[in-house]
């Protein structure tokens, strides 16, 4: 007996539900997987409305084999998050070509639920949650249309689907609160399950930190015992980069030390830090940490490393000092902190040597460099131009537009050319205070690069060249800079009053911000 084919209106409902369910994956999967899905839906649409050729079993089987081979070529495996979702998505598209009856339509709709669920493997943000709610509502309405195609109109089906979801909400909340959280990879997925984890890179070159700053993912949360330090002191140290080839900066291979040695110059700050998975070993800490958390080890450059890649949420308690004297510098460290590649441009070296000649000490040289950035109208921008083979020279004398890594790496190059030991430090700066839970949220978009110079009698001193050009980045945070640029405003052309007015949130944005804070609090 031939199964009864649902009406064209039911098919259109299925088509709309599929597009909405798949849309969030457009930012995560290779373009060709979406192209295969879209082509299959278009083909089926032409079959339904224009009586196009309906592919037979042999052709469908051949297309399936080609899709599987394409996924294997793209990922090298069929297991894991990305290849698994890509395979399901493309095969789901091919499933449209063989739809025959109500049962096939139901299978597709339930696979749409699975596709919506899979989107949470990429993000659990509030916006993704809202989109998933919309998608589930539309899929449920399409399912109702399939079961009872003539009983009600579209508006009634959507209303009833919304009521059904609202009735299920209490059960969803109970399951969310009581269902155990599973640490590590989901159901034993292989290593690619960690491929989407965002973390601080172990080297930088022009564009590295800027790329990371585009992510709104949470890096960690910090709660302080007492009032937190001022925003200008919230430098979260992650990595120190001492080696350079003129274009990129890399970390040295340090030996572990049992205890860091420095002299505190201020009261200690004690806090708890909840670190999100990153698949890295770096453990951010307020500059400078004074204790070693369990499972971690100190490095000689005053950074912390975990004993294994961090693939699940961890929390640790730390004590830090925001003012300190690190003491003397060994001969080997001095040599490493002065090393420059031979091809540093002559005018870069000449500029640094001129400052050295005109200055009484290292601090005056550093101030001369900061004055140069300010006086020559350097611009801090989220969209700097691409640089060529000699990025430092091009940045200092040509483009003069850059992100924090451009300023930090160029500053350190100038200091070394002037004979001052220096290095690049990367980590995070600032944080967003969640008033709902009284803790700081530090996002990947707060990633930052700064410099350190060594001064006799004072040790390593933090110098942030970005603050010479864009002090607002340090005082207000990167999100404020991004909002200003979206309004077409430049940092140098605004008074403090105009800037605060431009950054003032409307009632809707303010309500959305508080909703995001409460959402984050429920996910702790």
Protein backbone atom coordinates (compact mmCIF):
# COMPACT_ATOMS: atom_id res chain seq x y z
CA UNK A 1 0.00 0.00 0.00
CA UNK A 2 1.47 3.37 -1.05
CA UNK A 3 1.74 5.77 1.89
CA UNK A 4 -0.34 8.94 1.62
CA UNK A 5 1.82 11.94 0.77
CA UNK A 6 1.13 15.00 2.96
CA UNK A 7 -0.19 18.13 1.28
CA UNK A 8 1.97 20.82 -0.28
CA UNK A 9 1.14 23.16 2.63
CA UNK A 10 2.49 20.58 5.08
CA UNK A 11 5.64 20.31 3.01
CA UNK A 12 6.08 24.09 3.09
CA UNK A 13 5.74 24.02 6.89
CA UNK A 14 8.46 21.36 7.02
CA UNK A 15 10.67 23.47 4.77
CA UNK A 16 10.33 26.58 6.95
CA UNK A 17 10.99 24.61 10.13
CA UNK A 18 14.14 23.13 8.58
CA UNK A 19 15.56 26.50 7.56
CA UNK A 20 15.00 27.97 11.04
CA UNK A 21 16.49 24.93 12.79
CA UNK A 22 19.62 24.86 10.63
CA UNK A 23 20.30 28.64 10.47
CA UNK A 24 22.54 28.89 13.62
CA UNK A 25 24.93 26.31 12.17
CA UNK A 26 25.77 28.62 9.26
CA UNK A 27 28.43 30.28 11.45
CA UNK A 28 30.03 27.03 12.58
CA UNK A 29 30.05 24.49 9.72
CA UNK A 30 31.84 24.56 6.34
CA UNK A 31 29.94 26.41 3.66
CA UNK A 32 29.51 23.35 1.49
CA UNK A 33 27.48 21.49 4.14
CA UNK A 34 24.91 24.30 4.14
CA UNK A 35 25.06 24.36 0.34
CA UNK A 36 24.25 20.63 0.15
CA UNK A 37 21.34 21.08 2.58
CA UNK A 38 20.00 24.11 0.69
CA UNK A 39 20.38 22.38 -2.69
CA UNK A 40 18.49 19.32 -1.47
CA UNK A 41 15.64 21.46 -0.09
CA UNK A 42 15.50 23.45 -3.32
CA UNK A 43 15.42 20.26 -5.38
CA UNK A 44 12.57 18.89 -3.29
CA UNK A 45 10.70 22.17 -3.57
CA UNK A 46 10.97 21.99 -7.37
CA UNK A 47 9.72 18.41 -7.27
CA UNK A 48 6.65 19.45 -5.27
CA UNK A 49 5.84 22.59 -7.23
CA UNK A 50 7.27 22.08 -10.72
CA UNK A 51 7.29 18.28 -11.09
CA UNK A 52 11.06 18.08 -11.45
CA UNK A 53 12.89 14.78 -11.76
CA UNK A 54 12.58 12.70 -8.59
CA UNK A 55 15.94 10.94 -7.87
CA UNK A 56 15.75 7.18 -7.68
CA UNK A 57 17.40 4.96 -5.08
CA UNK A 58 20.64 4.46 -7.04
CA UNK A 59 21.23 8.20 -7.42
CA UNK A 60 20.30 8.88 -3.79
CA UNK A 61 22.74 6.18 -2.65
CA UNK A 62 25.49 7.68 -4.79
CA UNK A 63 24.83 11.14 -3.33
CA UNK A 64 24.96 9.69 0.18
CA UNK A 65 28.34 8.07 -0.49
CA UNK A 66 29.69 11.34 -1.89
CA UNK A 67 28.50 13.24 1.19
CA UNK A 68 30.15 10.76 3.56
CA UNK A 69 33.42 10.95 1.60
CA UNK A 70 33.27 14.76 1.64
CA UNK A 71 32.88 14.81 5.43
CA UNK A 72 35.78 12.37 5.75
CA UNK A 73 37.94 14.55 3.53
CA UNK A 74 37.04 17.67 5.49
CA UNK A 75 37.58 16.27 9.00
CA UNK A 76 39.43 12.98 8.61
CA UNK A 77 36.81 11.23 10.74
CA UNK A 78 33.06 10.78 11.11
CA UNK A 79 33.19 10.98 14.91
CA UNK A 80 33.14 14.12 16.99
CA UNK A 81 31.09 17.26 17.22
CA UNK A 82 31.84 19.02 13.93
CA UNK A 83 31.98 15.98 11.61
CA UNK A 84 28.97 14.43 13.34
CA UNK A 85 26.78 17.51 12.94
CA UNK A 86 27.99 18.06 9.37
CA UNK A 87 27.13 14.46 8.49
CA UNK A 88 23.68 14.59 10.09
CA UNK A 89 22.91 17.91 8.43
CA UNK A 90 23.88 16.83 4.91
CA UNK A 91 22.18 13.44 5.20
CA UNK A 92 19.08 15.19 6.52
CA UNK A 93 19.07 17.29 3.36
CA UNK A 94 19.26 14.13 1.24
CA UNK A 95 16.41 12.67 3.30
CA UNK A 96 14.17 15.34 1.77
CA UNK A 97 14.68 13.76 -1.64
CA UNK A 98 13.03 10.50 -0.58
CA UNK A 99 10.08 11.78 1.45
CA UNK A 100 7.12 9.53 0.68
CA UNK A 101 4.64 9.64 3.52
CA UNK A 102 3.75 10.92 6.95
CA UNK A 103 6.32 8.72 8.68
CA UNK A 104 9.20 10.25 6.68
CA UNK A 105 7.96 13.75 7.50
CA UNK A 106 7.83 12.91 11.21
CA UNK A 107 11.39 11.55 11.09
CA UNK A 108 12.59 14.82 9.52
CA UNK A 109 10.83 16.93 12.14
CA UNK A 110 12.36 14.96 14.99
CA UNK A 111 15.77 15.28 13.34
CA UNK A 112 15.17 19.05 13.32
CA UNK A 113 14.78 18.88 17.11
CA UNK A 114 18.16 17.12 17.20
CA UNK A 115 19.74 19.81 15.01
CA UNK A 116 18.44 22.51 17.38
CA UNK A 117 19.87 20.61 20.35
CA UNK A 118 23.22 20.29 18.56
CA UNK A 119 23.49 24.07 18.26
CA UNK A 120 24.04 24.22 22.04
CA UNK A 121 27.31 22.35 21.54
CA UNK A 122 28.62 25.62 20.09
CA UNK A 123 27.05 28.20 22.35
CA UNK A 124 24.78 28.45 25.39
CA UNK A 125 24.22 32.20 25.14
CA UNK A 126 20.92 33.92 25.82
CA UNK A 127 20.49 34.68 22.11
CA UNK A 128 21.02 31.05 21.16
CA UNK A 129 18.44 30.08 23.76
CA UNK A 130 15.91 32.51 22.29
CA UNK A 131 16.55 31.22 18.78
CA UNK A 132 16.21 27.61 19.93
CA UNK A 133 12.87 28.46 21.59
CA UNK A 134 11.64 29.98 18.33
CA UNK A 135 12.86 26.97 16.33
CA UNK A 136 11.21 24.45 18.67
CA UNK A 137 7.94 26.40 18.51
CA UNK A 138 7.95 26.38 14.70
CA UNK A 139 8.91 22.70 14.51
CA UNK A 140 6.13 21.79 16.94
CA UNK A 141 3.62 23.82 14.91
CA UNK A 142 4.78 22.01 11.76
CA UNK A 143 4.33 18.67 13.53
CA UNK A 144 0.77 19.66 14.48
CA UNK A 145 0.12 20.67 10.87
CA UNK A 146 1.33 17.26 9.73
CA UNK A 147 -0.88 15.34 12.17
CA UNK A 148 -3.98 17.54 11.71
CA UNK A 149 -3.52 19.38 8.39
CA UNK A 150 -6.98 20.98 8.22
CA UNK A 151 -8.01 21.48 11.85
CA UNK A 152 -6.61 25.02 12.38
CA UNK A 153 -4.79 27.86 10.66
CA UNK A 154 -1.11 28.81 11.02
CA UNK A 155 -1.70 31.40 13.74
CA UNK A 156 -3.67 28.93 15.84
CA UNK A 157 -1.00 26.25 15.45
CA UNK A 158 1.76 28.62 16.55
CA UNK A 159 -0.32 29.76 19.52
CA UNK A 160 -1.04 26.19 20.60
CA UNK A 161 2.63 25.21 20.17
CA UNK A 162 3.63 28.15 22.40
CA UNK A 163 1.09 27.09 25.05
CA UNK A 164 2.43 23.52 24.99
CA UNK A 165 6.00 24.77 25.49
CA UNK A 166 4.87 27.03 28.33
CA UNK A 167 3.19 24.06 30.00
CA UNK A 168 6.42 22.08 29.66
CA UNK A 169 8.53 24.91 31.11
CA UNK A 170 8.23 23.86 34.80
CA UNK A 171 9.41 20.36 33.92
CA UNK A 172 12.29 21.79 31.89
CA UNK A 173 13.37 23.92 34.85
CA UNK A 174 13.28 20.93 37.20
CA UNK A 175 15.33 18.82 34.78
CA UNK A 176 17.81 21.68 34.28
CA UNK A 177 18.35 22.07 38.02
CA UNK A 178 18.48 18.37 38.92
CA UNK A 179 20.13 16.74 35.90
CA UNK A 180 23.83 16.12 36.71
CA UNK A 181 26.45 18.14 34.82
CA UNK A 182 28.91 15.84 33.07
CA UNK A 183 32.51 17.02 33.14
CA UNK A 184 34.83 16.57 30.18
CA UNK A 185 33.83 15.66 26.66
CA UNK A 186 30.24 14.78 25.88
CA UNK A 187 29.67 11.01 25.91
CA UNK A 188 33.34 10.30 25.32
CA UNK A 189 33.67 12.26 22.08
CA UNK A 190 37.23 12.36 20.72
CA UNK A 191 39.63 15.26 20.91
CA UNK A 192 37.80 17.41 18.38
CA UNK A 193 35.15 17.98 21.03
CA UNK A 194 37.61 20.51 22.42
CA UNK A 195 38.31 22.18 19.09
CA UNK A 196 35.68 24.85 19.70
CA UNK A 197 37.14 25.89 23.05
CA UNK A 198 38.51 29.40 22.95
CA UNK A 199 41.65 30.22 24.88
CA UNK A 200 44.66 32.49 24.99
CA UNK A 201 47.16 31.61 22.22
CA UNK A 202 50.75 30.75 23.16
CA UNK A 203 52.13 33.27 20.65
CA UNK A 204 51.00 36.51 19.05
CA UNK A 205 51.42 38.27 15.77
CA UNK A 206 49.46 41.19 14.32
CA UNK A 207 45.80 40.24 14.59
CA UNK A 208 46.06 37.45 17.19
CA UNK A 209 44.48 39.26 20.14
CA UNK A 210 42.07 41.12 17.86
CA UNK A 211 40.73 37.78 16.58
CA UNK A 212 40.27 36.56 20.15
CA UNK A 213 38.59 39.81 21.14
CA UNK A 214 35.73 39.13 18.72
CA UNK A 215 34.50 36.34 21.00
CA UNK A 216 31.97 37.11 23.73
CA UNK A 217 32.59 33.74 25.39
CA UNK A 218 33.36 33.86 29.09
CA UNK A 219 37.01 33.19 29.98
CA UNK A 220 36.56 33.18 33.75
CA UNK A 221 34.70 34.71 36.67
CA UNK A 222 36.32 36.25 39.73
CA UNK A 223 34.83 37.03 43.13
CA UNK A 224 36.86 39.04 45.63
CA UNK A 225 36.99 38.98 49.40
CA UNK A 226 36.10 42.60 49.90
CA UNK A 227 36.06 45.32 47.28
CA UNK A 228 37.80 44.50 43.98
CA UNK A 229 40.79 46.60 42.89
CA UNK A 230 40.18 49.56 40.56
CA UNK A 231 39.62 48.65 36.91
CA UNK A 232 42.99 50.14 35.94
CA UNK A 233 44.69 47.52 38.16
CA UNK A 234 42.75 44.53 36.83
CA UNK A 235 45.51 43.02 34.70
CA UNK A 236 45.03 39.26 34.52
CA UNK A 237 48.41 37.74 33.69
CA UNK A 238 48.37 34.61 31.51
CA UNK A 239 51.52 34.37 29.36
CA UNK A 240 54.87 36.11 28.99
CA UNK A 241 56.38 36.26 25.50
CA UNK A 242 60.13 36.88 25.33
CA UNK A 243 61.25 35.49 21.96
CA UNK A 244 60.63 37.25 18.65
CA UNK A 245 61.50 36.84 14.99
CA UNK A 246 60.42 40.39 14.17
CA UNK A 247 56.85 39.43 13.29
CA UNK A 248 55.62 37.05 15.99
CA UNK A 249 56.28 36.75 19.72
CA UNK A 250 56.60 33.37 21.45
CA UNK A 251 56.89 32.17 25.03
CA UNK A 252 60.10 30.80 26.38
CA UNK A 253 60.30 27.30 27.79
CA UNK A 254 60.62 28.01 31.49
CA UNK A 255 61.58 25.62 34.21
CA UNK A 256 59.10 25.38 37.05
CA UNK A 257 59.92 27.16 40.28
CA UNK A 258 58.65 26.21 43.70
CA UNK A 259 58.05 29.78 44.80
CA UNK A 260 58.07 33.16 43.11
CA UNK A 261 60.36 35.76 44.59
CA UNK A 262 59.22 39.37 44.75
CA UNK A 263 58.66 42.06 47.35
CA UNK A 264 55.02 43.17 47.83
CA UNK A 265 54.51 46.94 47.84
CA UNK A 266 50.77 46.91 48.65
CA UNK A 267 48.20 44.90 50.57
CA UNK A 268 47.32 41.47 49.23
CA UNK A 269 44.15 40.78 47.24
CA UNK A 270 42.41 37.46 47.84
CA UNK A 271 39.87 36.14 45.36
CA UNK A 272 38.30 33.02 43.88
CA UNK A 273 38.50 32.39 40.17
CA UNK A 274 36.23 30.06 38.15
CA UNK A 275 38.02 29.23 34.90
CA UNK A 276 36.10 27.99 31.87
CA UNK A 277 37.50 25.17 29.68
CA UNK A 278 40.07 26.34 27.13
CA UNK A 279 42.08 23.22 26.23
CA UNK A 280 45.13 25.26 27.33
CA UNK A 281 47.29 25.04 30.45
CA UNK A 282 47.47 28.78 31.16
CA UNK A 283 45.80 29.92 34.38
CA UNK A 284 45.04 33.65 34.44
CA UNK A 285 45.84 35.38 37.71
CA UNK A 286 45.70 38.96 38.90
CA UNK A 287 49.14 40.46 38.40
CA UNK A 288 51.13 39.18 40.40
CA UNK A 289 50.04 35.87 42.00
CA UNK A 290 51.78 34.82 45.21
CA UNK A 291 50.47 31.29 45.81
CA UNK A 292 50.20 28.10 43.77
CA UNK A 293 46.72 26.55 43.50
CA UNK A 294 46.38 22.75 43.71
CA UNK A 295 47.25 21.08 40.41
CA UNK A 296 49.23 24.09 39.18
CA UNK A 297 52.85 25.17 39.07
CA UNK A 298 54.69 28.48 38.99
CA UNK A 299 56.81 29.59 36.08
CA UNK A 300 59.87 31.79 36.46
CA UNK A 301 58.07 34.61 34.62
CA UNK A 302 55.40 34.84 37.37
CA UNK A 303 52.72 32.95 35.44
CA UNK A 304 50.73 29.88 36.45
CA UNK A 305 50.29 26.67 34.49
CA UNK A 306 47.93 23.79 35.12
CA UNK A 307 49.34 20.27 35.04
CA UNK A 308 47.17 19.31 32.05
CA UNK A 309 45.01 21.03 29.42
CA UNK A 310 41.95 22.56 31.07
CA UNK A 311 38.99 20.73 29.54
CA UNK A 312 36.43 21.29 32.25
CA UNK A 313 35.52 24.16 34.53
CA UNK A 314 37.90 24.54 37.47
CA UNK A 315 37.97 26.95 40.39
CA UNK A 316 40.85 28.03 42.56
CA UNK A 317 41.59 30.59 45.25
CA UNK A 318 44.51 32.97 44.82
CA UNK A 319 46.33 35.75 46.60
CA UNK A 320 47.89 38.48 44.46
CA UNK A 321 49.71 41.78 44.88
CA UNK A 322 48.98 44.53 42.37
CA UNK A 323 52.15 46.46 43.30
CA UNK A 324 55.49 44.71 43.70
CA UNK A 325 59.27 44.71 43.17
CA UNK A 326 60.56 41.61 41.37
CA UNK A 327 64.22 42.25 42.16
CA UNK A 328 67.33 41.52 40.12
CA UNK A 329 67.60 40.08 36.62
CA UNK A 330 69.90 37.18 35.81
CA UNK A 331 72.48 37.45 33.04
CA UNK A 332 70.65 34.88 30.91
CA UNK A 333 67.29 36.61 31.36
CA UNK A 334 68.84 39.97 30.52
CA UNK A 335 70.29 38.62 27.29
CA UNK A 336 66.97 37.03 26.33
CA UNK A 337 65.07 40.24 27.14
CA UNK A 338 67.35 42.31 24.89
CA UNK A 339 67.49 39.99 21.89
CA UNK A 340 66.26 41.34 18.56
CA UNK A 341 66.38 39.88 15.05
CA UNK A 342 69.04 41.35 12.79
CA UNK A 343 66.51 42.68 10.29
CA UNK A 344 64.89 45.25 12.59
CA UNK A 345 64.74 48.36 10.41
CA UNK A 346 67.38 51.06 10.68
CA UNK A 347 64.87 53.83 11.40
CA UNK A 348 63.31 51.82 14.24
CA UNK A 349 66.74 51.40 15.82
CA UNK A 350 67.61 55.05 15.19
CA UNK A 351 64.42 56.27 16.87
CA UNK A 352 65.11 54.16 19.96
CA UNK A 353 68.76 55.21 20.12
CA UNK A 354 67.76 58.87 19.91
CA UNK A 355 65.52 58.45 22.95
CA UNK A 356 68.30 56.63 24.77
CA UNK A 357 70.70 59.48 24.03
CA UNK A 358 68.24 62.15 25.19
CA UNK A 359 67.08 60.36 28.37
CA UNK A 360 68.64 60.06 31.78
CA UNK A 361 67.25 56.62 32.60
CA UNK A 362 65.09 53.78 31.33
CA UNK A 363 61.84 55.28 32.61
CA UNK A 364 62.43 58.43 30.56
CA UNK A 365 62.98 56.30 27.46
CA UNK A 366 59.68 54.53 28.11
CA UNK A 367 57.91 57.87 28.58
CA UNK A 368 59.42 59.12 25.31
CA UNK A 369 57.95 56.11 23.50
CA UNK A 370 54.52 56.67 25.05
CA UNK A 371 54.71 60.38 24.15
CA UNK A 372 55.56 59.37 20.58
CA UNK A 373 52.44 57.21 20.34
CA UNK A 374 50.35 60.07 21.69
CA UNK A 375 52.01 62.95 19.83
CA UNK A 376 52.08 61.27 16.42
CA UNK A 377 48.33 60.58 16.54
CA UNK A 378 48.43 56.81 16.65
CA UNK A 379 44.93 55.33 16.59
CA UNK A 380 43.63 52.39 18.59
CA UNK A 381 41.17 50.52 16.39
CA UNK A 382 39.39 47.18 16.32
CA UNK A 383 39.99 46.97 12.56
CA UNK A 384 43.68 47.71 11.92
CA UNK A 385 45.13 47.43 8.40
CA UNK A 386 47.08 44.34 7.40
CA UNK A 387 50.85 44.59 7.84
CA UNK A 388 53.58 43.12 5.66
CA UNK A 389 56.95 41.49 6.28
CA UNK A 390 58.14 44.18 8.75
CA UNK A 391 55.05 44.90 10.86
CA UNK A 392 56.83 46.98 13.52
CA UNK A 393 58.33 49.40 11.00
CA UNK A 394 55.07 49.69 9.06
CA UNK A 395 53.08 50.31 12.23
CA UNK A 396 55.49 52.89 13.66
CA UNK A 397 56.02 54.93 10.50
CA UNK A 398 53.19 54.20 8.07
CA UNK A 399 49.81 52.90 9.22
CA UNK A 400 49.90 54.05 12.88
CA UNK A 401 46.62 52.23 13.44
CA UNK A 402 46.54 49.12 15.57
CA UNK A 403 45.18 46.94 18.31
CA UNK A 404 46.81 46.26 21.68
CA UNK A 405 49.28 43.67 20.30
CA UNK A 406 50.54 46.21 17.74
CA UNK A 407 51.31 48.73 20.48
CA UNK A 408 52.81 46.20 22.91
CA UNK A 409 55.08 44.44 20.39
CA UNK A 410 56.27 47.70 18.84
CA UNK A 411 56.95 49.22 22.25
CA UNK A 412 59.01 46.21 23.37
CA UNK A 413 60.98 46.28 20.11
CA UNK A 414 61.79 49.96 20.69
CA UNK A 415 62.81 49.32 24.30
CA UNK A 416 65.14 46.48 23.33
CA UNK A 417 66.65 48.62 20.58
CA UNK A 418 67.32 51.23 23.29
CA UNK A 419 69.08 48.63 25.46
CA UNK A 420 66.25 48.16 27.99
CA UNK A 421 65.25 44.58 28.93
CA UNK A 422 61.59 44.17 28.02
CA UNK A 423 58.97 41.59 27.07
CA UNK A 424 55.35 41.21 25.97
CA UNK A 425 52.70 40.00 28.41
CA UNK A 426 49.29 38.76 27.29
CA UNK A 427 46.22 38.05 29.36
CA UNK A 428 43.03 39.95 30.10
CA UNK A 429 42.27 43.43 31.31
CA UNK A 430 39.22 44.61 33.22
CA UNK A 431 35.99 42.70 33.54
CA UNK A 432 32.24 43.23 33.76
CA UNK A 433 30.72 43.42 37.24
CA UNK A 434 27.69 41.15 37.53
CA UNK A 435 25.67 42.94 40.20
CA UNK A 436 23.24 40.02 40.40
CA UNK A 437 25.97 37.78 41.82
CA UNK A 438 28.59 40.35 42.89
CA UNK A 439 31.40 38.90 40.79
CA UNK A 440 33.42 39.91 37.74
CA UNK A 441 32.83 38.32 34.35
CA UNK A 442 35.95 38.37 32.18
CA UNK A 443 35.30 37.48 28.55
CA UNK A 444 37.59 36.49 25.71
CA UNK A 445 36.85 39.96 24.31
CA UNK A 446 38.76 41.36 27.32
CA UNK A 447 41.97 39.77 25.99
CA UNK A 448 44.82 42.27 26.11
CA UNK A 449 48.54 42.63 25.50
CA UNK A 450 50.88 44.93 27.38
CA UNK A 451 54.61 45.31 28.03
CA UNK A 452 57.07 44.98 30.89
CA UNK A 453 60.42 46.72 31.19
CA UNK A 454 63.09 45.90 33.73
CA UNK A 455 64.43 48.83 35.77
CA UNK A 456 67.33 48.49 38.20
CA UNK A 457 66.16 48.65 41.81
CA UNK A 458 62.50 48.21 40.84
CA UNK A 459 62.41 44.99 38.84
CA UNK A 460 59.84 44.33 36.14
CA UNK A 461 57.42 47.24 35.66
CA UNK A 462 54.19 47.05 33.72
CA UNK A 463 53.84 49.57 30.89
CA UNK A 464 50.65 49.55 28.83
CA UNK A 465 51.25 51.46 25.57
CA UNK A 466 47.57 51.20 24.69
CA UNK A 467 46.75 53.55 27.56
CA UNK A 468 48.82 56.30 25.92
CA UNK A 469 46.49 56.27 22.91
CA UNK A 470 43.21 54.90 24.28
CA UNK A 471 42.99 55.24 28.08
CA UNK A 472 39.27 54.53 27.64
CA UNK A 473 40.17 50.93 26.78
CA UNK A 474 41.62 50.51 30.27
CA UNK A 475 39.03 52.52 32.18
CA UNK A 476 35.87 51.50 30.30
CA UNK A 477 36.74 48.17 28.67
CA UNK A 478 36.79 46.90 25.09
CA UNK A 479 33.02 46.57 24.86
CA UNK A 480 32.70 50.34 25.27
CA UNK A 481 35.20 50.91 22.46
CA UNK A 482 33.26 48.53 20.22
CA UNK A 483 29.97 50.32 20.94
CA UNK A 484 31.55 53.69 20.11
CA UNK A 485 32.92 52.40 16.79
CA UNK A 486 29.50 50.96 15.93
CA UNK A 487 28.11 54.48 16.33
CA UNK A 488 30.81 55.87 14.02
CA UNK A 489 32.58 57.71 16.86
CA UNK A 490 36.34 57.97 17.34
CA UNK A 491 38.09 58.01 20.70
CA UNK A 492 40.13 61.14 20.16
CA UNK A 493 37.21 63.29 19.06
CA UNK A 494 34.97 62.92 22.11
CA UNK A 495 34.85 64.73 25.42
CA UNK A 496 34.39 62.66 28.56
CA UNK A 497 30.78 63.87 28.87
CA UNK A 498 29.98 63.06 25.22
CA UNK A 499 31.54 59.63 25.59
CA UNK A 500 29.52 58.75 28.67
CA UNK A 501 26.36 59.97 26.94
CA UNK A 502 27.12 57.80 23.89
CA UNK A 503 27.69 54.78 26.12
CA UNK A 504 24.53 55.27 28.16
CA UNK A 505 22.21 52.30 27.81
CA UNK A 506 18.56 52.67 26.93
CA UNK A 507 15.92 50.92 29.03
CA UNK A 508 15.75 47.92 26.70
CA UNK A 509 19.53 47.43 26.57
CA UNK A 510 19.71 47.87 30.33
CA UNK A 511 16.99 45.26 30.88
CA UNK A 512 18.75 42.92 28.47
CA UNK A 513 22.03 43.38 30.35
CA UNK A 514 20.40 42.46 33.66
CA UNK A 515 18.73 39.44 32.05
CA UNK A 516 22.14 38.33 30.80
CA UNK A 517 23.58 38.68 34.31
CA UNK A 518 20.85 36.53 35.83
CA UNK A 519 21.23 34.01 33.01
CA UNK A 520 24.94 33.76 33.78
CA UNK A 521 24.24 33.37 37.49
CA UNK A 522 21.95 30.38 36.83
CA UNK A 523 24.72 28.71 34.79
CA UNK A 524 27.31 28.72 37.58
